[in-house]
Amino acid sequence: MLNSISLVGKIVKNVYHVENMAFIDIEVKRPFPEEIGKEKFDVFSIALWKGLEDMMSDVAQIGMIIAVRGRLIANKFTMANYDFKEVIIYGELIEILNKYF
């Protein structure tokens, strides 16, 4: 079994906090256009692992291109007597790629 995810994208929102977790939002281009000549993008919130919060707070800037390696976490919760699972992208390693572009 393997739980691994890699994303490369542009920072669209700096570090922010929800409850006791820190997040950063990145915009990622979809691999294939839905229409000829029109590219689509998705925005993902990345939960930051331990020391990444401090590092990203210090150096991250909107528009910066980063690579994220991490894993998926299933967060279970109940609302109105229904059970839900929310998938969280948990970033464990971030590399700033601006120096390559």
PDB file of N, CA and C in Angstrom:
ATOM      1  N   MET A   1       0.836  -1.173   0.000  1.00  0.00           N
ATOM      2  CA  MET A   1       0.000   0.000   0.000  1.00  0.00           C
ATOM      3  C   MET A   1       0.883   1.238   0.000  1.00  0.00           C
ATOM      4  N   LEU A   2       0.408   2.270  -0.665  1.00  0.00           N
ATOM      5  CA  LEU A   2       1.191   3.492  -0.790  1.00  0.00           C
ATOM      6  C   LEU A   2       0.265   4.694  -0.674  1.00  0.00           C
ATOM      7  N   ASN A   3       0.632   5.641   0.139  1.00  0.00           N
ATOM      8  CA  ASN A   3      -0.121   6.879   0.291  1.00  0.00           C
ATOM      9  C   ASN A   3       0.854   8.020   0.052  1.00  0.00           C
ATOM     10  N   SER A   4       0.902   8.495  -1.181  1.00  0.00           N
ATOM     11  CA  SER A   4       1.850   9.543  -1.544  1.00  0.00           C
ATOM     12  C   SER A   4       1.225  10.443  -2.600  1.00  0.00           C
ATOM     13  N   ILE A   5       1.504  11.730  -2.503  1.00  0.00           N
ATOM     14  CA  ILE A   5       0.991  12.680  -3.484  1.00  0.00           C
ATOM     15  C   ILE A   5       2.068  13.725  -3.755  1.00  0.00           C
ATOM     16  N   SER A   6       2.162  14.161  -5.010  1.00  0.00           N
ATOM     17  CA  SER A   6       3.099  15.216  -5.394  1.00  0.00           C
ATOM     18  C   SER A   6       2.348  16.242  -6.231  1.00  0.00           C
ATOM     19  N   LEU A   7       2.552  17.515  -5.921  1.00  0.00           N
ATOM     20  CA  LEU A   7       1.923  18.603  -6.665  1.00  0.00           C
ATOM     21  C   LEU A   7       2.959  19.685  -6.930  1.00  0.00           C
ATOM     22  N   VAL A   8       2.855  20.321  -8.085  1.00  0.00           N
ATOM     23  CA  VAL A   8       3.665  21.494  -8.395  1.00  0.00           C
ATOM     24  C   VAL A   8       2.685  22.593  -8.776  1.00  0.00           C
ATOM     25  N   GLY A   9       2.798  23.729  -8.094  1.00  0.00           N
ATOM     26  CA  GLY A   9       1.857  24.802  -8.369  1.00  0.00           C
ATOM     27  C   GLY A   9       2.339  26.142  -7.867  1.00  0.00           C
ATOM     28  N   LYS A  10       1.471  27.131  -8.051  1.00  0.00           N
ATOM     29  CA  LYS A  10       1.775  28.517  -7.699  1.00  0.00           C
ATOM     30  C   LYS A  10       1.006  28.885  -6.432  1.00  0.00           C
ATOM     31  N   ILE A  11       1.683  29.520  -5.484  1.00  0.00           N
ATOM     32  CA  ILE A  11       1.034  29.945  -4.243  1.00  0.00           C
ATOM     33  C   ILE A  11       0.024  31.049  -4.556  1.00  0.00           C
ATOM     34  N   VAL A  12      -1.230  30.848  -4.099  1.00  0.00           N
ATOM     35  CA  VAL A  12      -2.265  31.861  -4.303  1.00  0.00           C
ATOM     36  C   VAL A  12      -2.770  32.438  -2.983  1.00  0.00           C
ATOM     37  N   LYS A  13      -2.403  31.808  -1.863  1.00  0.00           N
ATOM     38  CA  LYS A  13      -2.783  32.324  -0.541  1.00  0.00           C
ATOM     39  C   LYS A  13      -1.703  31.927   0.445  1.00  0.00           C
ATOM     40  N   ASN A  14      -1.199  32.904   1.191  1.00  0.00           N
ATOM     41  CA  ASN A  14      -0.143  32.640   2.167  1.00  0.00           C
ATOM     42  C   ASN A  14      -0.654  31.797   3.330  1.00  0.00           C
ATOM     43  N   VAL A  15       0.229  31.454   4.237  1.00  0.00           N
ATOM     44  CA  VAL A  15      -0.089  30.583   5.373  1.00  0.00           C
ATOM     45  C   VAL A  15      -1.254  31.157   6.178  1.00  0.00           C
ATOM     46  N   TYR A  16      -2.235  30.288   6.463  1.00  0.00           N
ATOM     47  CA  TYR A  16      -3.366  30.656   7.307  1.00  0.00           C
ATOM     48  C   TYR A  16      -3.684  29.473   8.208  1.00  0.00           C
ATOM     49  N   HIS A  17      -4.480  29.715   9.231  1.00  0.00           N
ATOM     50  CA  HIS A  17      -4.769  28.677  10.225  1.00  0.00           C
ATOM     51  C   HIS A  17      -6.262  28.373  10.288  1.00  0.00           C
ATOM     52  N   VAL A  18      -6.577  27.087  10.394  1.00  0.00           N
ATOM     53  CA  VAL A  18      -7.934  26.616  10.653  1.00  0.00           C
ATOM     54  C   VAL A  18      -7.821  25.681  11.844  1.00  0.00           C
ATOM     55  N   GLU A  19      -8.475  26.061  12.923  1.00  0.00           N
ATOM     56  CA  GLU A  19      -8.351  25.351  14.196  1.00  0.00           C
ATOM     57  C   GLU A  19      -6.870  25.265  14.564  1.00  0.00           C
ATOM     58  N   ASN A  20      -6.319  24.078  14.690  1.00  0.00           N
ATOM     59  CA  ASN A  20      -4.915  23.957  15.115  1.00  0.00           C
ATOM     60  C   ASN A  20      -3.986  23.558  13.973  1.00  0.00           C
ATOM     61  N   MET A  21      -4.425  23.730  12.714  1.00  0.00           N
ATOM     62  CA  MET A  21      -3.601  23.351  11.566  1.00  0.00           C
ATOM     63  C   MET A  21      -3.293  24.574  10.706  1.00  0.00           C
ATOM     64  N   ALA A  22      -2.090  24.577  10.125  1.00  0.00           N
ATOM     65  CA  ALA A  22      -1.678  25.642   9.205  1.00  0.00           C
ATOM     66  C   ALA A  22      -1.821  25.135   7.769  1.00  0.00           C
ATOM     67  N   PHE A  23      -2.263  26.016   6.878  1.00  0.00           N
ATOM     68  CA  PHE A  23      -2.485  25.668   5.477  1.00  0.00           C
ATOM     69  C   PHE A  23      -1.866  26.722   4.570  1.00  0.00           C
ATOM     70  N   ILE A  24      -1.621  26.314   3.323  1.00  0.00           N
ATOM     71  CA  ILE A  24      -1.237  27.236   2.258  1.00  0.00           C
ATOM     72  C   ILE A  24      -1.985  26.762   1.009  1.00  0.00           C
ATOM     73  N   ASP A  25      -2.440  27.691   0.177  1.00  0.00           N
ATOM     74  CA  ASP A  25      -3.197  27.329  -1.024  1.00  0.00           C
ATOM     75  C   ASP A  25      -2.314  27.467  -2.256  1.00  0.00           C
ATOM     76  N   ILE A  26      -2.376  26.441  -3.126  1.00  0.00           N
ATOM     77  CA  ILE A  26      -1.637  26.499  -4.391  1.00  0.00           C
ATOM     78  C   ILE A  26      -2.581  26.230  -5.562  1.00  0.00           C
ATOM     79  N   GLU A  27      -2.261  26.868  -6.681  1.00  0.00           N
ATOM     80  CA  GLU A  27      -3.015  26.693  -7.917  1.00  0.00           C
ATOM     81  C   GLU A  27      -2.226  25.746  -8.815  1.00  0.00           C
ATOM     82  N   VAL A  28      -2.905  24.708  -9.310  1.00  0.00           N
ATOM     83  CA  VAL A  28      -2.258  23.669 -10.114  1.00  0.00           C
ATOM     84  C   VAL A  28      -2.997  23.543 -11.446  1.00  0.00           C
ATOM     85  N   LYS A  29      -2.226  23.536 -12.534  1.00  0.00           N
ATOM     86  CA  LYS A  29      -2.832  23.397 -13.862  1.00  0.00           C
ATOM     87  C   LYS A  29      -3.266  21.954 -14.082  1.00  0.00           C
ATOM     88  N   ARG A  30      -4.463  21.788 -14.645  1.00  0.00           N
ATOM     89  CA  ARG A  30      -4.934  20.440 -14.979  1.00  0.00           C
ATOM     90  C   ARG A  30      -4.087  19.883 -16.119  1.00  0.00           C
ATOM     91  N   PRO A  31      -3.914  18.552 -16.159  1.00  0.00           N
ATOM     92  CA  PRO A  31      -2.998  17.974 -17.151  1.00  0.00           C
ATOM     93  C   PRO A  31      -3.469  18.097 -18.600  1.00  0.00           C
ATOM     94  N   PHE A  32      -4.787  18.206 -18.808  1.00  0.00           N
ATOM     95  CA  PHE A  32      -5.306  18.294 -20.167  1.00  0.00           C
ATOM     96  C   PHE A  32      -6.351  19.404 -20.231  1.00  0.00           C
ATOM     97  N   PRO A  33      -6.365  20.188 -21.315  1.00  0.00           N
ATOM     98  CA  PRO A  33      -7.391  21.236 -21.434  1.00  0.00           C
ATOM     99  C   PRO A  33      -8.767  20.612 -21.657  1.00  0.00           C
ATOM    100  N   GLU A  34      -9.804  21.249 -21.095  1.00  0.00           N
ATOM    101  CA  GLU A  34     -11.166  20.754 -21.307  1.00  0.00           C
ATOM    102  C   GLU A  34     -11.676  21.170 -22.680  1.00  0.00           C
ATOM    103  N   GLU A  35     -11.190  22.316 -23.145  1.00  0.00           N
ATOM    104  CA  GLU A  35     -11.513  22.788 -24.483  1.00  0.00           C
ATOM    105  C   GLU A  35     -10.205  23.187 -25.159  1.00  0.00           C
ATOM    106  N   ILE A  36     -10.194  23.156 -26.461  1.00  0.00           N
ATOM    107  CA  ILE A  36      -8.981  23.515 -27.187  1.00  0.00           C
ATOM    108  C   ILE A  36      -8.624  24.967 -26.885  1.00  0.00           C
ATOM    109  N   GLY A  37      -7.390  25.166 -26.440  1.00  0.00           N
ATOM    110  CA  GLY A  37      -6.899  26.506 -26.156  1.00  0.00           C
ATOM    111  C   GLY A  37      -7.287  27.080 -24.804  1.00  0.00           C
ATOM    112  N   LYS A  38      -8.032  26.337 -23.983  1.00  0.00           N
ATOM    113  CA  LYS A  38      -8.445  26.848 -22.672  1.00  0.00           C
ATOM    114  C   LYS A  38      -7.910  25.943 -21.568  1.00  0.00           C
ATOM    115  N   GLU A  39      -6.991  26.481 -20.788  1.00  0.00           N
ATOM    116  CA  GLU A  39      -6.434  25.717 -19.670  1.00  0.00           C
ATOM    117  C   GLU A  39      -7.269  25.951 -18.425  1.00  0.00           C
ATOM    118  N   LYS A  40      -7.407  24.914 -17.614  1.00  0.00           N
ATOM    119  CA  LYS A  40      -8.142  25.008 -16.352  1.00  0.00           C
ATOM    120  C   LYS A  40      -7.174  24.787 -15.204  1.00  0.00           C
ATOM    121  N   PHE A  41      -7.472  25.401 -14.080  1.00  0.00           N
ATOM    122  CA  PHE A  41      -6.640  25.290 -12.888  1.00  0.00           C
ATOM    123  C   PHE A  41      -7.501  24.877 -11.702  1.00  0.00           C
ATOM    124  N   ASP A  42      -6.897  24.162 -10.766  1.00  0.00           N
ATOM    125  CA  ASP A  42      -7.534  23.802  -9.503  1.00  0.00           C
ATOM    126  C   ASP A  42      -6.730  24.433  -8.378  1.00  0.00           C
ATOM    127  N   VAL A  43      -7.409  24.826  -7.303  1.00  0.00           N
ATOM    128  CA  VAL A  43      -6.735  25.358  -6.123  1.00  0.00           C
ATOM    129  C   VAL A  43      -6.866  24.330  -5.006  1.00  0.00           C
ATOM    130  N   PHE A  44      -5.724  23.941  -4.445  1.00  0.00           N
ATOM    131  CA  PHE A  44      -5.690  22.963  -3.358  1.00  0.00           C
ATOM    132  C   PHE A  44      -5.149  23.614  -2.097  1.00  0.00           C
ATOM    133  N   SER A  45      -5.768  23.282  -0.967  1.00  0.00           N
ATOM    134  CA  SER A  45      -5.255  23.699   0.336  1.00  0.00           C
ATOM    135  C   SER A  45      -4.335  22.599   0.839  1.00  0.00           C
ATOM    136  N   ILE A  46      -3.128  22.970   1.218  1.00  0.00           N
ATOM    137  CA  ILE A  46      -2.135  22.015   1.703  1.00  0.00           C
ATOM    138  C   ILE A  46      -1.944  22.237   3.200  1.00  0.00           C
ATOM    139  N   ALA A  47      -2.202  21.201   4.004  1.00  0.00           N
ATOM    140  CA  ALA A  47      -1.912  21.270   5.437  1.00  0.00           C
ATOM    141  C   ALA A  47      -0.403  21.136   5.603  1.00  0.00           C
ATOM    142  N   LEU A  48       0.185  21.993   6.419  1.00  0.00           N
ATOM    143  CA  LEU A  48       1.643  22.031   6.556  1.00  0.00           C
ATOM    144  C   LEU A  48       2.109  21.228   7.757  1.00  0.00           C
ATOM    145  N   TRP A  49       3.062  20.354   7.519  1.00  0.00           N
ATOM    146  CA  TRP A  49       3.626  19.479   8.543  1.00  0.00           C
ATOM    147  C   TRP A  49       4.628  20.244   9.389  1.00  0.00           C
ATOM    148  N   LYS A  50       4.534  20.108  10.676  1.00  0.00           N
ATOM    149  CA  LYS A  50       5.460  20.644  11.685  1.00  0.00           C
ATOM    150  C   LYS A  50       6.229  21.892  11.260  1.00  0.00           C
ATOM    151  N   GLY A  51       7.521  21.780  10.989  1.00  0.00           N
ATOM    152  CA  GLY A  51       8.380  22.930  10.717  1.00  0.00           C
ATOM    153  C   GLY A  51       8.083  23.660   9.424  1.00  0.00           C
ATOM    154  N   LEU A  52       7.273  23.073   8.545  1.00  0.00           N
ATOM    155  CA  LEU A  52       6.964  23.739   7.281  1.00  0.00           C
ATOM    156  C   LEU A  52       6.179  25.027   7.494  1.00  0.00           C
ATOM    157  N   GLU A  53       5.380  25.068   8.556  1.00  0.00           N
ATOM    158  CA  GLU A  53       4.600  26.273   8.830  1.00  0.00           C
ATOM    159  C   GLU A  53       5.522  27.477   9.018  1.00  0.00           C
ATOM    160  N   ASP A  54       6.552  27.330   9.841  1.00  0.00           N
ATOM    161  CA  ASP A  54       7.486  28.432  10.083  1.00  0.00           C
ATOM    162  C   ASP A  54       8.257  28.796   8.823  1.00  0.00           C
ATOM    163  N   MET A  55       8.739  27.781   8.091  1.00  0.00           N
ATOM    164  CA  MET A  55       9.503  28.036   6.878  1.00  0.00           C
ATOM    165  C   MET A  55       8.658  28.789   5.854  1.00  0.00           C
ATOM    166  N   MET A  56       7.434  28.313   5.627  1.00  0.00           N
ATOM    167  CA  MET A  56       6.585  28.936   4.620  1.00  0.00           C
ATOM    168  C   MET A  56       6.123  30.322   5.056  1.00  0.00           C
ATOM    169  N   SER A  57       5.928  30.528   6.345  1.00  0.00           N
ATOM    170  CA  SER A  57       5.566  31.869   6.838  1.00  0.00           C
ATOM    171  C   SER A  57       6.690  32.860   6.559  1.00  0.00           C
ATOM    172  N   ASP A  58       7.936  32.393   6.652  1.00  0.00           N
ATOM    173  CA  ASP A  58       9.099  33.261   6.451  1.00  0.00           C
ATOM    174  C   ASP A  58       9.398  33.553   4.983  1.00  0.00           C
ATOM    175  N   VAL A  59       9.255  32.551   4.107  1.00  0.00           N
ATOM    176  CA  VAL A  59       9.748  32.718   2.733  1.00  0.00           C
ATOM    177  C   VAL A  59       8.674  32.730   1.651  1.00  0.00           C
ATOM    178  N   ALA A  60       7.485  32.222   1.923  1.00  0.00           N
ATOM    179  CA  ALA A  60       6.467  32.092   0.875  1.00  0.00           C
ATOM    180  C   ALA A  60       5.929  33.451   0.441  1.00  0.00           C
ATOM    181  N   GLN A  61       5.752  33.582  -0.866  1.00  0.00           N
ATOM    182  CA  GLN A  61       5.156  34.783  -1.441  1.00  0.00           C
ATOM    183  C   GLN A  61       4.139  34.352  -2.477  1.00  0.00           C
ATOM    184  N   ILE A  62       3.053  35.092  -2.580  1.00  0.00           N
ATOM    185  CA  ILE A  62       2.043  34.785  -3.586  1.00  0.00           C
ATOM    186  C   ILE A  62       2.696  34.864  -4.962  1.00  0.00           C
ATOM    187  N   GLY A  63       2.412  33.865  -5.802  1.00  0.00           N
ATOM    188  CA  GLY A  63       2.994  33.781  -7.136  1.00  0.00           C
ATOM    189  C   GLY A  63       4.215  32.888  -7.217  1.00  0.00           C
ATOM    190  N   MET A  64       4.775  32.517  -6.075  1.00  0.00           N
ATOM    191  CA  MET A  64       5.954  31.647  -6.028  1.00  0.00           C
ATOM    192  C   MET A  64       5.559  30.222  -6.448  1.00  0.00           C
ATOM    193  N   ILE A  65       6.415  29.565  -7.223  1.00  0.00           N
ATOM    194  CA  ILE A  65       6.152  28.194  -7.664  1.00  0.00           C
ATOM    195  C   ILE A  65       6.836  27.229  -6.705  1.00  0.00           C
ATOM    196  N   ILE A  66       6.056  26.240  -6.221  1.00  0.00           N
ATOM    197  CA  ILE A  66       6.584  25.268  -5.262  1.00  0.00           C
ATOM    198  C   ILE A  66       6.216  23.847  -5.674  1.00  0.00           C
ATOM    199  N   ALA A  67       7.012  22.894  -5.207  1.00  0.00           N
ATOM    200  CA  ALA A  67       6.704  21.468  -5.340  1.00  0.00           C
ATOM    201  C   ALA A  67       6.379  20.958  -3.940  1.00  0.00           C
ATOM    202  N   VAL A  68       5.303  20.198  -3.837  1.00  0.00           N
ATOM    203  CA  VAL A  68       4.859  19.659  -2.550  1.00  0.00           C
ATOM    204  C   VAL A  68       4.834  18.143  -2.636  1.00  0.00           C
ATOM    205  N   ARG A  69       5.431  17.494  -1.639  1.00  0.00           N
ATOM    206  CA  ARG A  69       5.319  16.037  -1.521  1.00  0.00           C
ATOM    207  C   ARG A  69       4.677  15.760  -0.171  1.00  0.00           C
ATOM    208  N   GLY A  70       3.719  14.853  -0.175  1.00  0.00           N
ATOM    209  CA  GLY A  70       3.028  14.562   1.077  1.00  0.00           C
ATOM    210  C   GLY A  70       2.164  13.326   0.971  1.00  0.00           C
ATOM    211  N   ARG A  71       1.097  13.330   1.779  1.00  0.00           N
ATOM    212  CA  ARG A  71       0.192  12.183   1.817  1.00  0.00           C
ATOM    213  C   ARG A  71      -1.226  12.681   2.040  1.00  0.00           C
ATOM    214  N   LEU A  72      -2.178  11.791   1.857  1.00  0.00           N
ATOM    215  CA  LEU A  72      -3.583  12.116   2.070  1.00  0.00           C
ATOM    216  C   LEU A  72      -4.025  11.621   3.437  1.00  0.00           C
ATOM    217  N   ILE A  73      -4.867  12.407   4.093  1.00  0.00           N
ATOM    218  CA  ILE A  73      -5.425  12.030   5.389  1.00  0.00           C
ATOM    219  C   ILE A  73      -6.942  12.077   5.263  1.00  0.00           C
ATOM    220  N   ALA A  74      -7.629  11.055   5.783  1.00  0.00           N
ATOM    221  CA  ALA A  74      -9.090  11.042   5.816  1.00  0.00           C
ATOM    222  C   ALA A  74      -9.542  11.548   7.179  1.00  0.00           C
ATOM    223  N   ASN A  75     -10.197  12.692   7.181  1.00  0.00           N
ATOM    224  CA  ASN A  75     -10.711  13.292   8.407  1.00  0.00           C
ATOM    225  C   ASN A  75     -12.193  12.934   8.511  1.00  0.00           C
ATOM    226  N   LYS A  76     -12.556  12.161   9.523  1.00  0.00           N
ATOM    227  CA  LYS A  76     -13.947  11.728   9.690  1.00  0.00           C
ATOM    228  C   LYS A  76     -14.675  12.686  10.620  1.00  0.00           C
ATOM    229  N   PHE A  77     -15.913  13.037  10.242  1.00  0.00           N
ATOM    230  CA  PHE A  77     -16.729  13.872  11.120  1.00  0.00           C
ATOM    231  C   PHE A  77     -18.204  13.583  10.871  1.00  0.00           C
ATOM    232  N   THR A  78     -19.040  13.969  11.829  1.00  0.00           N
ATOM    233  CA  THR A  78     -20.481  13.758  11.742  1.00  0.00           C
ATOM    234  C   THR A  78     -21.175  15.115  11.764  1.00  0.00           C
ATOM    235  N   MET A  79     -22.142  15.266  10.846  1.00  0.00           N
ATOM    236  CA  MET A  79     -22.924  16.494  10.801  1.00  0.00           C
ATOM    237  C   MET A  79     -24.370  16.119  10.489  1.00  0.00           C
ATOM    238  N   ALA A  80     -25.290  16.588  11.301  1.00  0.00           N
ATOM    239  CA  ALA A  80     -26.719  16.310  11.114  1.00  0.00           C
ATOM    240  C   ALA A  80     -26.974  14.805  10.998  1.00  0.00           C
ATOM    241  N   ASN A  81     -26.347  14.046  11.883  1.00  0.00           N
ATOM    242  CA  ASN A  81     -26.500  12.585  11.952  1.00  0.00           C
ATOM    243  C   ASN A  81     -25.993  11.839  10.719  1.00  0.00           C
ATOM    244  N   TYR A  82     -25.163  12.468   9.916  1.00  0.00           N
ATOM    245  CA  TYR A  82     -24.542  11.807   8.770  1.00  0.00           C
ATOM    246  C   TYR A  82     -23.029  11.784   8.981  1.00  0.00           C
ATOM    247  N   ASP A  83     -22.406  10.674   8.611  1.00  0.00           N
ATOM    248  CA  ASP A  83     -20.955  10.545   8.711  1.00  0.00           C
ATOM    249  C   ASP A  83     -20.315  10.966   7.391  1.00  0.00           C
ATOM    250  N   PHE A  84     -19.263  11.761   7.490  1.00  0.00           N
ATOM    251  CA  PHE A  84     -18.551  12.254   6.318  1.00  0.00           C
ATOM    252  C   PHE A  84     -17.064  11.963   6.456  1.00  0.00           C
ATOM    253  N   LYS A  85     -16.380  11.885   5.312  1.00  0.00           N
ATOM    254  CA  LYS A  85     -14.920  11.805   5.267  1.00  0.00           C
ATOM    255  C   LYS A  85     -14.431  12.943   4.385  1.00  0.00           C
ATOM    256  N   GLU A  86     -13.527  13.719   4.932  1.00  0.00           N
ATOM    257  CA  GLU A  86     -12.925  14.830   4.210  1.00  0.00           C
ATOM    258  C   GLU A  86     -11.467  14.466   3.948  1.00  0.00           C
ATOM    259  N   VAL A  87     -11.018  14.635   2.716  1.00  0.00           N
ATOM    260  CA  VAL A  87      -9.632  14.320   2.377  1.00  0.00           C
ATOM    261  C   VAL A  87      -8.782  15.577   2.538  1.00  0.00           C
ATOM    262  N   ILE A  88      -7.687  15.449   3.281  1.00  0.00           N
ATOM    263  CA  ILE A  88      -6.762  16.556   3.501  1.00  0.00           C
ATOM    264  C   ILE A  88      -5.419  16.188   2.875  1.00  0.00           C
ATOM    265  N   ILE A  89      -4.852  17.112   2.100  1.00  0.00           N
ATOM    266  CA  ILE A  89      -3.503  16.930   1.566  1.00  0.00           C
ATOM    267  C   ILE A  89      -2.538  17.423   2.637  1.00  0.00           C
ATOM    268  N   TYR A  90      -1.694  16.534   3.128  1.00  0.00           N
ATOM    269  CA  TYR A  90      -0.783  16.838   4.233  1.00  0.00           C
ATOM    270  C   TYR A  90       0.624  16.956   3.670  1.00  0.00           C
ATOM    271  N   GLY A  91       1.103  18.179   3.502  1.00  0.00           N
ATOM    272  CA  GLY A  91       2.424  18.419   2.921  1.00  0.00           C
ATOM    273  C   GLY A  91       3.538  18.123   3.907  1.00  0.00           C
ATOM    274  N   GLU A  92       4.463  17.248   3.505  1.00  0.00           N
ATOM    275  CA  GLU A  92       5.586  16.862   4.371  1.00  0.00           C
ATOM    276  C   GLU A  92       6.914  17.440   3.903  1.00  0.00           C
ATOM    277  N   LEU A  93       7.000  17.802   2.626  1.00  0.00           N
ATOM    278  CA  LEU A  93       8.228  18.374   2.062  1.00  0.00           C
ATOM    279  C   LEU A  93       7.828  19.395   1.004  1.00  0.00           C
ATOM    280  N   ILE A  94       8.399  20.579   1.088  1.00  0.00           N
ATOM    281  CA  ILE A  94       8.130  21.621   0.093  1.00  0.00           C
ATOM    282  C   ILE A  94       9.459  22.152  -0.420  1.00  0.00           C
ATOM    283  N   GLU A  95       9.547  22.248  -1.744  1.00  0.00           N
ATOM    284  CA  GLU A  95      10.737  22.831  -2.365  1.00  0.00           C
ATOM    285  C   GLU A  95      10.304  24.028  -3.198  1.00  0.00           C
ATOM    286  N   ILE A  96      11.012  25.119  -3.046  1.00  0.00           N
ATOM    287  CA  ILE A  96      10.719  26.330  -3.812  1.00  0.00           C
ATOM    288  C   ILE A  96      11.410  26.208  -5.162  1.00  0.00           C
ATOM    289  N   LEU A  97      10.629  26.343  -6.241  1.00  0.00           N
ATOM    290  CA  LEU A  97      11.151  26.108  -7.585  1.00  0.00           C
ATOM    291  C   LEU A  97      11.409  27.385  -8.372  1.00  0.00           C
ATOM    292  N   ASN A  98      11.153  28.543  -7.816  1.00  0.00           N
ATOM    293  CA  ASN A  98      11.348  29.799  -8.549  1.00  0.00           C
ATOM    294  C   ASN A  98      12.731  29.920  -9.157  1.00  0.00           C
ATOM    295  N   LYS A  99      13.729  29.377  -8.491  1.00  0.00           N
ATOM    296  CA  LYS A  99      15.099  29.496  -8.998  1.00  0.00           C
ATOM    297  C   LYS A  99      15.293  28.752 -10.317  1.00  0.00           C
ATOM    298  N   TYR A 100      14.357  27.849 -10.664  1.00  0.00           N
ATOM    299  CA  TYR A 100      14.465  27.081 -11.903  1.00  0.00           C
ATOM    300  C   TYR A 100      13.642  27.679 -13.036  1.00  0.00           C
ATOM    301  N   PHE A 101      12.790  28.650 -12.739  1.00  0.00           N
ATOM    302  CA  PHE A 101      11.905  29.212 -13.762  1.00  0.00           C
ATOM    303  C   PHE A 101      12.212  30.663 -14.013  1.00  0.00           C
TER     304      PHE A 101
END
